[in-house]
Each structure stands twice: as C-alpha cells, then as structure tokens.
C-alpha cells in the first residue's frame, strides 16, 4: 500500500520468526524525509528532517476552541461512567480527554509549533507535558479513574488563561459543574452498589 508518511513510497508490514514485526517503507531516496523526533541508526546518504510549519493564528485559535469544547463535553460523561463503576467506559473517556488535553497543552505552551492534532508517527511526548499528564495505573477502579479525570480537568483549567489570551472562548462554568458531579460520583462509589442491583457492563 502507499505510505502515508513518505512521498512516492510503499509500505509493507513484515512479520519475521520470533515474532518480530518490521514496518518497511521503500521509495525513492531523493524524496525521503524524516520527522524531527526520529534518530538515524545508519544511512548511506542524508535524509533531511522535515520541519512542519507553525499553525496560522486563526487556525490555532479554532483548533484550540474545538479541543476545549470537546474536552468539557466529554468530562461529565467520564465522571458519570466512573460514578456508575464502569471502569472500562471511564478509561475510554479518559483516553479521549487525554488526547484533547495534549492538543490544548501543545497549542498553549508551543505557540510556534506545528498542528498538534496531526498524526505524528513515532512522536514522543514532550518532557514538560509528560510531567503533567495524569495517568491510569495498571489496575483501574472507579476511584482511580475519577482521580485521573479530576487531574485532567485541573490541568485543562490551568490552560484557560493562556487560551483566553489567544481569543478562545472559555466555558468558565464547566470546571465547577464537573467538580460537583465528581464529588457526587465519589460519594456514590464510596457508598457502594445497592444490594440486589446488577453491575453495569
């Protein structure tokens, strides 16, 4: 199939005994480029680094606005799942919230950066972002999920002033509303499931 990352190239996934998987991309060296986060192990010639252009201000503002609306729309749903004890659904919502937070953090903290929503093959997480990113543990229960949701909400709320400075409308009532829902969800979780009620799936 055609490679989505290299002009004029073909992509092939090969599984070798072991098992070992290798993503081979074969194409003309004259058109080869690589993203900044890659590291060359060996090469017969230079492969230039492709630096994506920064987002125009109006696109940055619109992207941030969409991500912020999405985040605060998904946060109460995540709280609801945690309150119901639906850890699997809550973790899915946390994944959506995390993706939106990453986009917002990059737009707020890297004003001259490229489109943070664009697919970035092998793109790592910036150290400053990684240090702030709330994460689920290996074992997930409703209270842990709720803690991560609260952490993500707090991190996004910290970005509000920076986002407002570039003209992004801020849903200022949502943090308090979501926090109130989270308090209620925690009380429900700690009280436990009523006797005779079937667990949610």
N, C-alpha and C. Protein backbone atom coordinates (compact mmCIF):
# COMPACT_ATOMS: atom_id res chain seq x y z
N UNK A 1 0.84 -1.19 0.00
CA UNK A 1 0.00 0.00 0.00
C UNK A 1 0.88 1.25 0.00
N UNK A 2 0.31 2.36 -0.45
CA UNK A 2 1.07 3.61 -0.47
C UNK A 2 1.34 4.08 0.95
N UNK A 3 2.54 4.58 1.20
CA UNK A 3 2.91 5.05 2.53
C UNK A 3 2.29 6.42 2.79
N UNK A 4 1.66 6.60 3.95
CA UNK A 4 1.10 7.92 4.27
C UNK A 4 2.16 8.89 4.77
N UNK A 5 3.40 8.42 5.00
CA UNK A 5 4.42 9.28 5.61
C UNK A 5 5.55 9.66 4.66
N UNK A 6 5.71 8.94 3.55
CA UNK A 6 6.81 9.22 2.63
C UNK A 6 6.28 9.37 1.21
N UNK A 7 6.57 10.48 0.56
CA UNK A 7 6.09 10.67 -0.82
C UNK A 7 6.64 9.60 -1.76
N UNK A 8 5.78 9.06 -2.60
CA UNK A 8 6.19 8.11 -3.63
C UNK A 8 6.64 6.76 -3.11
N UNK A 9 6.34 6.44 -1.87
CA UNK A 9 6.83 5.19 -1.26
C UNK A 9 5.70 4.20 -1.05
N UNK A 10 6.11 2.95 -0.81
CA UNK A 10 5.17 1.88 -0.49
C UNK A 10 5.46 1.34 0.90
N UNK A 11 4.40 0.99 1.59
CA UNK A 11 4.52 0.49 2.96
C UNK A 11 4.19 -0.99 2.99
N UNK A 12 4.99 -1.74 3.77
CA UNK A 12 4.72 -3.18 3.93
C UNK A 12 5.10 -3.61 5.34
N UNK A 13 4.15 -4.21 6.05
CA UNK A 13 4.42 -4.78 7.37
C UNK A 13 4.83 -6.24 7.17
N UNK A 14 6.02 -6.59 7.68
CA UNK A 14 6.54 -7.95 7.54
C UNK A 14 6.74 -8.54 8.93
N UNK A 15 6.22 -9.75 9.13
CA UNK A 15 6.39 -10.46 10.40
C UNK A 15 7.43 -11.57 10.19
N UNK A 16 8.51 -11.49 10.96
CA UNK A 16 9.58 -12.47 10.89
C UNK A 16 9.46 -13.44 12.06
N UNK A 17 10.10 -14.63 11.96
CA UNK A 17 10.07 -15.57 13.10
C UNK A 17 10.63 -14.90 14.35
N UNK A 18 10.00 -15.18 15.46
CA UNK A 18 10.48 -14.59 16.72
C UNK A 18 9.39 -14.36 17.73
N UNK A 19 8.27 -13.68 17.45
CA UNK A 19 7.99 -12.92 16.22
C UNK A 19 8.56 -11.51 16.31
N UNK A 20 8.97 -11.01 15.17
CA UNK A 20 9.48 -9.65 15.05
C UNK A 20 8.72 -8.97 13.92
N UNK A 21 8.17 -7.81 14.19
CA UNK A 21 7.47 -7.04 13.17
C UNK A 21 8.33 -5.87 12.71
N UNK A 22 8.41 -5.68 11.40
CA UNK A 22 9.15 -4.54 10.84
C UNK A 22 8.25 -3.84 9.84
N UNK A 23 8.13 -2.52 10.02
CA UNK A 23 7.40 -1.69 9.04
C UNK A 23 8.41 -1.22 8.01
N UNK A 24 8.36 -1.81 6.82
CA UNK A 24 9.27 -1.40 5.75
C UNK A 24 8.59 -0.35 4.89
N UNK A 25 9.30 0.73 4.63
CA UNK A 25 8.84 1.75 3.69
C UNK A 25 9.92 1.88 2.63
N UNK A 26 9.57 1.57 1.40
CA UNK A 26 10.52 1.56 0.31
C UNK A 26 10.09 2.60 -0.72
N UNK A 27 11.04 3.47 -1.07
CA UNK A 27 10.72 4.50 -2.04
C UNK A 27 11.97 5.24 -2.48
N UNK A 28 11.81 6.24 -3.31
CA UNK A 28 12.96 6.98 -3.83
C UNK A 28 13.66 7.80 -2.74
N UNK A 29 14.97 7.60 -2.62
CA UNK A 29 15.73 8.33 -1.60
C UNK A 29 15.68 9.83 -1.83
N UNK A 30 15.52 10.24 -3.06
CA UNK A 30 15.50 11.67 -3.37
C UNK A 30 14.30 12.38 -2.75
N UNK A 31 13.25 11.63 -2.41
CA UNK A 31 12.05 12.23 -1.83
C UNK A 31 11.90 11.93 -0.34
N UNK A 32 12.86 11.19 0.23
CA UNK A 32 12.74 10.77 1.62
C UNK A 32 12.93 11.94 2.58
N UNK A 33 12.08 12.00 3.59
CA UNK A 33 12.20 12.96 4.68
C UNK A 33 11.90 12.22 5.98
N UNK A 34 12.32 12.83 7.10
CA UNK A 34 12.02 12.19 8.39
C UNK A 34 11.61 13.26 9.39
N UNK A 35 10.74 12.87 10.34
CA UNK A 35 10.31 13.84 11.35
C UNK A 35 11.42 14.14 12.35
N UNK A 36 11.35 15.27 13.03
CA UNK A 36 12.42 15.68 13.94
C UNK A 36 12.69 14.70 15.08
N UNK A 37 11.67 13.95 15.51
CA UNK A 37 11.85 13.07 16.66
C UNK A 37 12.50 11.74 16.33
N UNK A 38 12.81 11.50 15.04
CA UNK A 38 13.45 10.24 14.67
C UNK A 38 14.95 10.31 14.89
N UNK A 39 15.57 9.13 14.97
CA UNK A 39 17.02 9.04 15.12
C UNK A 39 17.55 8.08 14.06
N UNK A 40 18.52 8.54 13.29
CA UNK A 40 19.13 7.71 12.26
C UNK A 40 20.09 6.71 12.91
N UNK A 41 19.91 5.43 12.59
CA UNK A 41 20.82 4.40 13.09
C UNK A 41 21.98 4.20 12.13
N UNK A 42 21.68 4.19 10.85
CA UNK A 42 22.71 4.13 9.82
C UNK A 42 22.10 4.64 8.52
N UNK A 43 22.94 5.13 7.64
CA UNK A 43 22.44 5.68 6.37
C UNK A 43 23.57 5.73 5.36
N UNK A 44 23.20 5.57 4.10
CA UNK A 44 24.16 5.73 3.01
C UNK A 44 24.18 7.17 2.50
N UNK A 45 23.15 7.90 2.86
CA UNK A 45 23.07 9.30 2.45
C UNK A 45 22.24 10.06 3.46
N UNK A 46 22.22 11.36 3.32
CA UNK A 46 21.49 12.20 4.25
C UNK A 46 20.00 12.14 3.95
N UNK A 47 19.20 12.03 5.01
CA UNK A 47 17.74 12.11 4.89
C UNK A 47 17.32 13.37 5.65
N UNK A 48 16.87 14.38 4.94
CA UNK A 48 16.59 15.66 5.61
C UNK A 48 15.42 15.56 6.59
N UNK A 49 15.53 16.37 7.63
CA UNK A 49 14.46 16.46 8.62
C UNK A 49 13.39 17.42 8.09
N UNK A 50 12.14 16.96 8.14
CA UNK A 50 11.02 17.80 7.69
C UNK A 50 10.46 18.55 8.90
N UNK A 51 10.57 19.85 8.89
CA UNK A 51 10.05 20.68 9.99
C UNK A 51 8.66 21.19 9.58
N UNK A 52 7.61 20.70 10.26
CA UNK A 52 6.27 21.19 9.90
C UNK A 52 6.14 22.67 10.19
N UNK A 53 5.40 23.39 9.35
CA UNK A 53 5.24 24.83 9.58
C UNK A 53 4.34 25.09 10.79
N UNK A 54 4.53 26.25 11.44
CA UNK A 54 3.64 26.60 12.55
C UNK A 54 2.22 26.86 12.06
N UNK A 55 1.28 26.66 12.96
CA UNK A 55 -0.11 26.92 12.61
C UNK A 55 -0.36 28.43 12.49
N UNK A 56 -1.12 28.85 11.51
CA UNK A 56 -1.56 30.26 11.49
C UNK A 56 -2.39 30.55 12.74
N UNK A 57 -2.37 31.80 13.17
CA UNK A 57 -3.03 32.19 14.42
C UNK A 57 -4.51 31.80 14.41
N UNK A 58 -5.20 32.06 13.30
CA UNK A 58 -6.63 31.78 13.27
C UNK A 58 -6.92 30.28 13.33
N UNK A 59 -6.05 29.48 12.71
CA UNK A 59 -6.23 28.02 12.77
C UNK A 59 -5.93 27.52 14.17
N UNK A 60 -4.89 28.09 14.78
CA UNK A 60 -4.54 27.72 16.16
C UNK A 60 -5.71 28.00 17.10
N UNK A 61 -6.33 29.17 16.94
CA UNK A 61 -7.46 29.54 17.79
C UNK A 61 -8.64 28.58 17.57
N UNK A 62 -8.95 28.29 16.32
CA UNK A 62 -10.09 27.40 16.02
C UNK A 62 -9.83 25.98 16.52
N UNK A 63 -8.59 25.50 16.36
CA UNK A 63 -8.24 24.16 16.82
C UNK A 63 -8.35 24.07 18.34
N UNK A 64 -7.86 25.10 19.03
CA UNK A 64 -7.94 25.13 20.48
C UNK A 64 -9.39 25.21 20.95
N UNK A 65 -10.19 26.00 20.28
CA UNK A 65 -11.60 26.13 20.65
C UNK A 65 -12.32 24.79 20.52
N UNK A 66 -12.09 24.10 19.41
CA UNK A 66 -12.72 22.80 19.20
C UNK A 66 -12.29 21.79 20.26
N UNK A 67 -11.00 21.77 20.56
CA UNK A 67 -10.48 20.81 21.54
C UNK A 67 -11.01 21.12 22.94
N UNK A 68 -11.16 22.41 23.26
CA UNK A 68 -11.65 22.78 24.59
C UNK A 68 -13.13 22.42 24.74
N UNK A 69 -13.92 22.69 23.72
CA UNK A 69 -15.34 22.31 23.75
C UNK A 69 -15.47 20.80 23.89
N UNK A 70 -14.68 20.07 23.12
CA UNK A 70 -14.72 18.61 23.17
C UNK A 70 -14.35 18.11 24.57
N UNK A 71 -13.28 18.67 25.15
CA UNK A 71 -12.84 18.22 26.47
C UNK A 71 -13.95 18.38 27.50
N UNK A 72 -14.54 19.59 27.57
CA UNK A 72 -15.54 19.83 28.60
C UNK A 72 -16.87 19.15 28.31
N UNK A 73 -17.09 18.74 27.06
CA UNK A 73 -18.27 17.92 26.75
C UNK A 73 -18.07 16.48 27.20
N UNK A 74 -16.84 15.98 27.09
CA UNK A 74 -16.54 14.60 27.45
C UNK A 74 -16.31 14.38 28.94
N UNK A 75 -15.87 15.42 29.65
CA UNK A 75 -15.53 15.26 31.06
C UNK A 75 -16.71 14.79 31.92
N UNK A 76 -17.90 15.40 31.80
CA UNK A 76 -19.02 14.90 32.62
C UNK A 76 -19.40 13.46 32.29
N UNK A 77 -19.25 13.07 31.04
CA UNK A 77 -19.55 11.68 30.66
C UNK A 77 -18.57 10.74 31.33
N UNK A 78 -17.30 11.13 31.37
CA UNK A 78 -16.29 10.32 32.04
C UNK A 78 -16.61 10.18 33.53
N UNK A 79 -17.02 11.29 34.16
CA UNK A 79 -17.40 11.27 35.57
C UNK A 79 -18.58 10.33 35.79
N UNK A 80 -19.56 10.39 34.90
CA UNK A 80 -20.75 9.54 35.01
C UNK A 80 -20.35 8.06 34.99
N UNK A 81 -19.47 7.69 34.05
CA UNK A 81 -19.05 6.29 33.97
C UNK A 81 -18.32 5.86 35.24
N UNK A 82 -17.45 6.73 35.74
CA UNK A 82 -16.73 6.39 36.98
C UNK A 82 -17.71 6.22 38.14
N UNK A 83 -18.68 7.12 38.25
CA UNK A 83 -19.66 7.05 39.32
C UNK A 83 -20.50 5.80 39.26
N UNK A 84 -20.74 5.31 38.05
CA UNK A 84 -21.51 4.08 37.89
C UNK A 84 -20.67 2.82 38.11
N UNK A 85 -19.37 3.00 38.28
CA UNK A 85 -18.50 1.84 38.43
C UNK A 85 -18.11 1.21 37.12
N UNK A 86 -18.32 1.91 36.01
CA UNK A 86 -18.00 1.39 34.69
C UNK A 86 -16.57 1.79 34.31
N UNK A 87 -15.62 1.09 34.89
CA UNK A 87 -14.21 1.47 34.72
C UNK A 87 -13.75 1.40 33.27
N UNK A 88 -14.22 0.41 32.54
CA UNK A 88 -13.79 0.29 31.14
C UNK A 88 -14.24 1.48 30.31
N UNK A 89 -15.53 1.86 30.47
CA UNK A 89 -16.02 3.02 29.72
C UNK A 89 -15.35 4.30 30.20
N UNK A 90 -15.10 4.38 31.51
CA UNK A 90 -14.42 5.57 32.04
C UNK A 90 -13.01 5.69 31.47
N UNK A 91 -12.31 4.56 31.34
CA UNK A 91 -10.94 4.62 30.80
C UNK A 91 -10.95 5.03 29.33
N UNK A 92 -11.99 4.64 28.60
CA UNK A 92 -12.11 5.09 27.20
C UNK A 92 -12.31 6.60 27.14
N UNK A 93 -13.17 7.12 28.01
CA UNK A 93 -13.37 8.57 28.06
C UNK A 93 -12.09 9.29 28.47
N UNK A 94 -11.35 8.69 29.40
CA UNK A 94 -10.08 9.28 29.82
C UNK A 94 -9.12 9.37 28.64
N UNK A 95 -9.14 8.38 27.78
CA UNK A 95 -8.29 8.42 26.58
C UNK A 95 -8.69 9.61 25.70
N UNK A 96 -9.98 9.84 25.54
CA UNK A 96 -10.45 10.99 24.74
C UNK A 96 -10.05 12.31 25.41
N UNK A 97 -10.22 12.39 26.73
CA UNK A 97 -9.84 13.60 27.45
C UNK A 97 -8.34 13.86 27.34
N UNK A 98 -7.55 12.80 27.45
CA UNK A 98 -6.09 12.94 27.36
C UNK A 98 -5.68 13.48 26.00
N UNK A 99 -6.29 12.94 24.94
CA UNK A 99 -5.97 13.43 23.60
C UNK A 99 -6.28 14.90 23.43
N UNK A 100 -7.42 15.33 23.96
CA UNK A 100 -7.79 16.74 23.88
C UNK A 100 -6.84 17.60 24.71
N UNK A 101 -6.47 17.12 25.90
CA UNK A 101 -5.55 17.87 26.74
C UNK A 101 -4.19 18.03 26.07
N UNK A 102 -3.69 16.98 25.44
CA UNK A 102 -2.40 17.05 24.75
C UNK A 102 -2.45 18.12 23.66
N UNK A 103 -3.52 18.14 22.90
CA UNK A 103 -3.67 19.16 21.85
C UNK A 103 -3.69 20.56 22.48
N UNK A 104 -4.45 20.73 23.54
CA UNK A 104 -4.55 22.05 24.18
C UNK A 104 -3.22 22.47 24.78
N UNK A 105 -2.52 21.55 25.42
CA UNK A 105 -1.22 21.89 26.01
C UNK A 105 -0.24 22.34 24.94
N UNK A 106 -0.18 21.62 23.85
CA UNK A 106 0.75 21.99 22.78
C UNK A 106 0.38 23.34 22.16
N UNK A 107 -0.89 23.60 21.99
CA UNK A 107 -1.30 24.89 21.44
C UNK A 107 -0.99 26.03 22.39
N UNK A 108 -1.14 25.78 23.69
CA UNK A 108 -0.91 26.84 24.68
C UNK A 108 0.56 27.04 24.97
N UNK A 109 1.31 25.95 25.07
CA UNK A 109 2.71 26.03 25.51
C UNK A 109 3.71 26.10 24.35
N UNK A 110 3.27 25.78 23.15
CA UNK A 110 4.16 25.80 21.97
C UNK A 110 3.51 26.66 20.89
N UNK A 111 3.45 27.97 21.10
CA UNK A 111 2.70 28.83 20.18
C UNK A 111 3.24 28.83 18.75
N UNK A 112 4.50 28.49 18.57
CA UNK A 112 5.06 28.44 17.22
C UNK A 112 5.18 27.02 16.70
N UNK A 113 4.50 26.08 17.37
CA UNK A 113 4.60 24.68 16.99
C UNK A 113 3.69 24.33 15.82
N UNK A 114 3.86 23.11 15.29
CA UNK A 114 3.01 22.65 14.19
C UNK A 114 1.64 22.22 14.71
N UNK A 115 0.82 21.74 13.82
CA UNK A 115 -0.51 21.27 14.18
C UNK A 115 -0.40 20.10 15.16
N UNK A 116 -0.84 20.26 16.42
CA UNK A 116 -0.68 19.19 17.39
C UNK A 116 -1.64 18.04 17.18
N UNK A 117 -2.68 18.26 16.36
CA UNK A 117 -3.65 17.20 16.10
C UNK A 117 -3.25 16.33 14.91
N UNK A 118 -2.23 16.74 14.17
CA UNK A 118 -1.80 15.96 13.01
C UNK A 118 -1.14 14.68 13.47
N UNK A 119 -1.36 13.58 12.74
CA UNK A 119 -0.70 12.33 13.12
C UNK A 119 0.81 12.50 13.14
N UNK A 120 1.45 12.02 14.18
CA UNK A 120 2.90 12.13 14.30
C UNK A 120 3.49 10.77 14.56
N UNK A 121 3.89 10.09 13.51
CA UNK A 121 4.43 8.75 13.68
C UNK A 121 5.71 8.80 14.51
N UNK A 122 5.75 7.99 15.55
CA UNK A 122 6.92 7.90 16.45
C UNK A 122 7.14 9.18 17.24
N UNK A 123 6.15 10.03 17.30
CA UNK A 123 6.31 11.29 18.04
C UNK A 123 6.21 11.01 19.53
N UNK A 124 7.20 11.42 20.27
CA UNK A 124 7.19 11.24 21.70
C UNK A 124 6.43 12.36 22.38
N UNK A 125 6.24 12.20 23.68
CA UNK A 125 5.59 13.23 24.48
C UNK A 125 6.66 14.16 25.04
N UNK A 126 6.45 15.46 24.90
CA UNK A 126 7.39 16.44 25.43
C UNK A 126 7.57 16.22 26.93
N UNK A 127 8.80 16.41 27.42
CA UNK A 127 9.09 16.14 28.83
C UNK A 127 8.21 16.98 29.76
N UNK A 128 8.01 18.25 29.43
CA UNK A 128 7.19 19.12 30.27
C UNK A 128 5.73 18.67 30.28
N UNK A 129 5.24 18.18 29.16
CA UNK A 129 3.88 17.65 29.09
C UNK A 129 3.80 16.33 29.83
N UNK A 130 4.78 15.48 29.63
CA UNK A 130 4.79 14.17 30.27
C UNK A 130 4.72 14.29 31.80
N UNK A 131 5.38 15.31 32.33
CA UNK A 131 5.41 15.50 33.78
C UNK A 131 4.05 15.93 34.33
N UNK A 132 3.20 16.49 33.49
CA UNK A 132 1.90 17.00 33.95
C UNK A 132 0.75 16.05 33.62
N UNK A 133 1.00 15.00 32.89
CA UNK A 133 -0.06 14.17 32.35
C UNK A 133 -0.57 13.16 33.37
N UNK A 134 -1.81 13.32 33.85
CA UNK A 134 -2.38 12.31 34.76
C UNK A 134 -2.59 10.99 34.01
N UNK A 135 -2.27 9.89 34.68
CA UNK A 135 -2.35 8.58 34.02
C UNK A 135 -3.06 7.56 34.90
N UNK A 136 -3.69 6.61 34.24
CA UNK A 136 -4.25 5.46 34.93
C UNK A 136 -3.14 4.51 35.33
N UNK A 137 -3.38 3.76 36.39
CA UNK A 137 -2.44 2.73 36.81
C UNK A 137 -2.75 1.43 36.07
N UNK A 138 -1.94 0.42 36.38
CA UNK A 138 -2.16 -0.88 35.72
C UNK A 138 -3.53 -1.44 36.06
N UNK A 139 -3.91 -1.36 37.33
CA UNK A 139 -5.24 -1.80 37.76
C UNK A 139 -6.13 -0.57 37.89
N UNK A 140 -7.30 -0.64 37.29
CA UNK A 140 -8.20 0.52 37.23
C UNK A 140 -9.44 0.23 38.06
N UNK A 141 -9.75 1.11 38.98
CA UNK A 141 -11.03 1.03 39.66
C UNK A 141 -11.70 2.40 39.54
N UNK A 142 -12.99 2.50 39.89
CA UNK A 142 -13.70 3.76 39.68
C UNK A 142 -13.08 4.96 40.38
N UNK A 143 -12.58 4.78 41.60
CA UNK A 143 -11.98 5.92 42.31
C UNK A 143 -10.69 6.39 41.63
N UNK A 144 -9.87 5.44 41.19
CA UNK A 144 -8.65 5.83 40.48
C UNK A 144 -9.00 6.54 39.18
N UNK A 145 -9.99 6.03 38.46
CA UNK A 145 -10.42 6.69 37.22
C UNK A 145 -10.91 8.10 37.50
N UNK A 146 -11.68 8.25 38.57
CA UNK A 146 -12.18 9.57 38.93
C UNK A 146 -11.04 10.53 39.27
N UNK A 147 -10.01 10.02 39.93
CA UNK A 147 -8.85 10.85 40.25
C UNK A 147 -8.14 11.34 39.01
N UNK A 148 -8.02 10.48 38.00
CA UNK A 148 -7.38 10.88 36.75
C UNK A 148 -8.23 11.92 36.03
N UNK A 149 -9.55 11.72 36.03
CA UNK A 149 -10.45 12.68 35.40
C UNK A 149 -10.31 14.05 36.07
N UNK A 150 -10.30 14.06 37.39
CA UNK A 150 -10.12 15.32 38.11
C UNK A 150 -8.77 15.96 37.77
N UNK A 151 -7.73 15.14 37.68
CA UNK A 151 -6.41 15.67 37.34
C UNK A 151 -6.38 16.30 35.96
N UNK A 152 -7.01 15.64 34.98
CA UNK A 152 -7.06 16.19 33.63
C UNK A 152 -7.86 17.49 33.60
N UNK A 153 -8.96 17.53 34.33
CA UNK A 153 -9.76 18.76 34.39
C UNK A 153 -8.95 19.91 34.98
N UNK A 154 -8.19 19.62 36.05
CA UNK A 154 -7.37 20.65 36.68
C UNK A 154 -6.30 21.16 35.72
N UNK A 155 -5.69 20.26 34.96
CA UNK A 155 -4.65 20.66 34.02
C UNK A 155 -5.22 21.54 32.90
N UNK A 156 -6.39 21.18 32.40
CA UNK A 156 -7.00 21.99 31.34
C UNK A 156 -7.43 23.35 31.88
N UNK A 157 -7.94 23.37 33.11
CA UNK A 157 -8.33 24.64 33.70
C UNK A 157 -7.13 25.57 33.85
N UNK A 158 -5.95 25.03 34.14
CA UNK A 158 -4.73 25.84 34.23
C UNK A 158 -4.38 26.49 32.90
N UNK A 159 -4.81 25.87 31.80
CA UNK A 159 -4.52 26.41 30.47
C UNK A 159 -5.51 27.50 30.06
N UNK A 160 -6.61 27.64 30.77
CA UNK A 160 -7.65 28.60 30.38
C UNK A 160 -7.12 30.02 30.16
N UNK A 161 -6.31 30.58 31.07
CA UNK A 161 -5.85 31.95 30.84
C UNK A 161 -5.04 32.10 29.54
N UNK A 162 -4.17 31.15 29.26
CA UNK A 162 -3.37 31.22 28.03
C UNK A 162 -4.27 31.09 26.81
N UNK A 163 -5.23 30.18 26.86
CA UNK A 163 -6.14 30.01 25.73
C UNK A 163 -7.00 31.25 25.54
N UNK A 164 -7.45 31.85 26.64
CA UNK A 164 -8.25 33.08 26.53
C UNK A 164 -7.44 34.20 25.89
N UNK A 165 -6.13 34.22 26.14
CA UNK A 165 -5.29 35.29 25.60
C UNK A 165 -5.17 35.24 24.08
N UNK A 166 -5.47 34.08 23.48
CA UNK A 166 -5.44 33.99 22.01
C UNK A 166 -6.84 34.01 21.42
N UNK A 167 -7.84 34.36 22.26
CA UNK A 167 -9.19 34.54 21.76
C UNK A 167 -10.08 33.31 21.81
N UNK A 168 -9.69 32.29 22.57
CA UNK A 168 -10.52 31.09 22.68
C UNK A 168 -11.61 31.33 23.72
N UNK A 169 -12.88 31.12 23.37
CA UNK A 169 -13.95 31.27 24.37
C UNK A 169 -13.81 30.21 25.46
N UNK A 170 -13.88 30.62 26.71
CA UNK A 170 -13.68 29.72 27.84
C UNK A 170 -15.03 29.38 28.48
N UNK A 171 -15.37 28.10 28.56
CA UNK A 171 -16.61 27.70 29.26
C UNK A 171 -16.36 27.73 30.77
N UNK A 172 -16.40 28.92 31.35
CA UNK A 172 -15.92 29.12 32.71
C UNK A 172 -16.74 28.39 33.77
N UNK A 173 -17.98 28.03 33.46
CA UNK A 173 -18.80 27.33 34.45
C UNK A 173 -18.50 25.84 34.51
N UNK A 174 -17.88 25.29 33.47
CA UNK A 174 -17.72 23.83 33.38
C UNK A 174 -16.82 23.23 34.45
N UNK A 175 -15.69 23.85 34.82
CA UNK A 175 -14.87 23.22 35.87
C UNK A 175 -15.62 22.99 37.17
N UNK A 176 -16.36 24.00 37.63
CA UNK A 176 -17.10 23.86 38.88
C UNK A 176 -18.23 22.85 38.75
N UNK A 177 -18.93 22.86 37.62
CA UNK A 177 -20.01 21.91 37.41
C UNK A 177 -19.48 20.48 37.37
N UNK A 178 -18.37 20.29 36.68
CA UNK A 178 -17.78 18.95 36.59
C UNK A 178 -17.25 18.50 37.95
N UNK A 179 -16.66 19.43 38.69
CA UNK A 179 -16.16 19.09 40.03
C UNK A 179 -17.31 18.68 40.95
N UNK A 180 -18.45 19.36 40.85
CA UNK A 180 -19.61 18.98 41.67
C UNK A 180 -20.10 17.59 41.30
N UNK A 181 -20.12 17.29 40.01
CA UNK A 181 -20.50 15.94 39.58
C UNK A 181 -19.52 14.90 40.10
N UNK A 182 -18.23 15.26 40.09
CA UNK A 182 -17.21 14.33 40.56
C UNK A 182 -17.36 14.05 42.05
N UNK A 183 -17.71 15.08 42.82
CA UNK A 183 -17.95 14.89 44.25
C UNK A 183 -19.12 13.93 44.47
N UNK A 184 -20.18 14.11 43.70
CA UNK A 184 -21.33 13.23 43.81
C UNK A 184 -20.96 11.80 43.40
N UNK A 185 -20.21 11.68 42.31
CA UNK A 185 -19.79 10.36 41.85
C UNK A 185 -18.94 9.66 42.90
N UNK A 186 -18.05 10.41 43.54
CA UNK A 186 -17.21 9.80 44.58
C UNK A 186 -18.06 9.31 45.75
N UNK A 187 -19.05 10.09 46.13
CA UNK A 187 -19.92 9.68 47.23
C UNK A 187 -20.66 8.39 46.88
N UNK A 188 -21.12 8.30 45.63
CA UNK A 188 -21.82 7.08 45.18
C UNK A 188 -20.88 5.89 45.18
N UNK A 189 -19.67 6.09 44.70
CA UNK A 189 -18.69 5.00 44.66
C UNK A 189 -18.38 4.50 46.07
N UNK A 190 -18.16 5.43 46.97
CA UNK A 190 -17.79 5.05 48.34
C UNK A 190 -18.95 4.39 49.08
N UNK A 191 -20.17 4.76 48.71
CA UNK A 191 -21.34 4.14 49.35
C UNK A 191 -21.50 2.70 48.89
N UNK A 192 -21.07 2.40 47.68
CA UNK A 192 -21.17 1.04 47.16
C UNK A 192 -22.47 0.82 46.41
N UNK A 193 -22.50 -0.28 45.65
CA UNK A 193 -23.66 -0.59 44.83
C UNK A 193 -24.81 -1.08 45.71
N UNK A 194 -26.02 -0.59 45.48
CA UNK A 194 -27.16 -1.05 46.28
C UNK A 194 -27.34 -2.56 46.16
N UNK A 195 -27.75 -3.21 47.25
CA UNK A 195 -27.95 -4.65 47.26
C UNK A 195 -28.98 -5.06 46.22
N UNK A 196 -28.67 -6.12 45.52
CA UNK A 196 -29.59 -6.67 44.54
C UNK A 196 -29.51 -6.02 43.17
N UNK A 197 -28.72 -4.95 43.03
CA UNK A 197 -28.61 -4.28 41.74
C UNK A 197 -27.54 -4.94 40.90
N UNK A 198 -27.85 -5.20 39.67
CA UNK A 198 -26.90 -5.86 38.77
C UNK A 198 -25.78 -4.88 38.41
N UNK A 199 -24.53 -5.35 38.29
CA UNK A 199 -23.44 -4.46 37.91
C UNK A 199 -23.58 -4.00 36.47
N UNK A 200 -23.08 -2.80 36.20
CA UNK A 200 -23.09 -2.28 34.83
C UNK A 200 -22.05 -3.01 34.01
N UNK A 201 -22.30 -3.12 32.72
CA UNK A 201 -21.35 -3.75 31.78
C UNK A 201 -20.94 -2.74 30.75
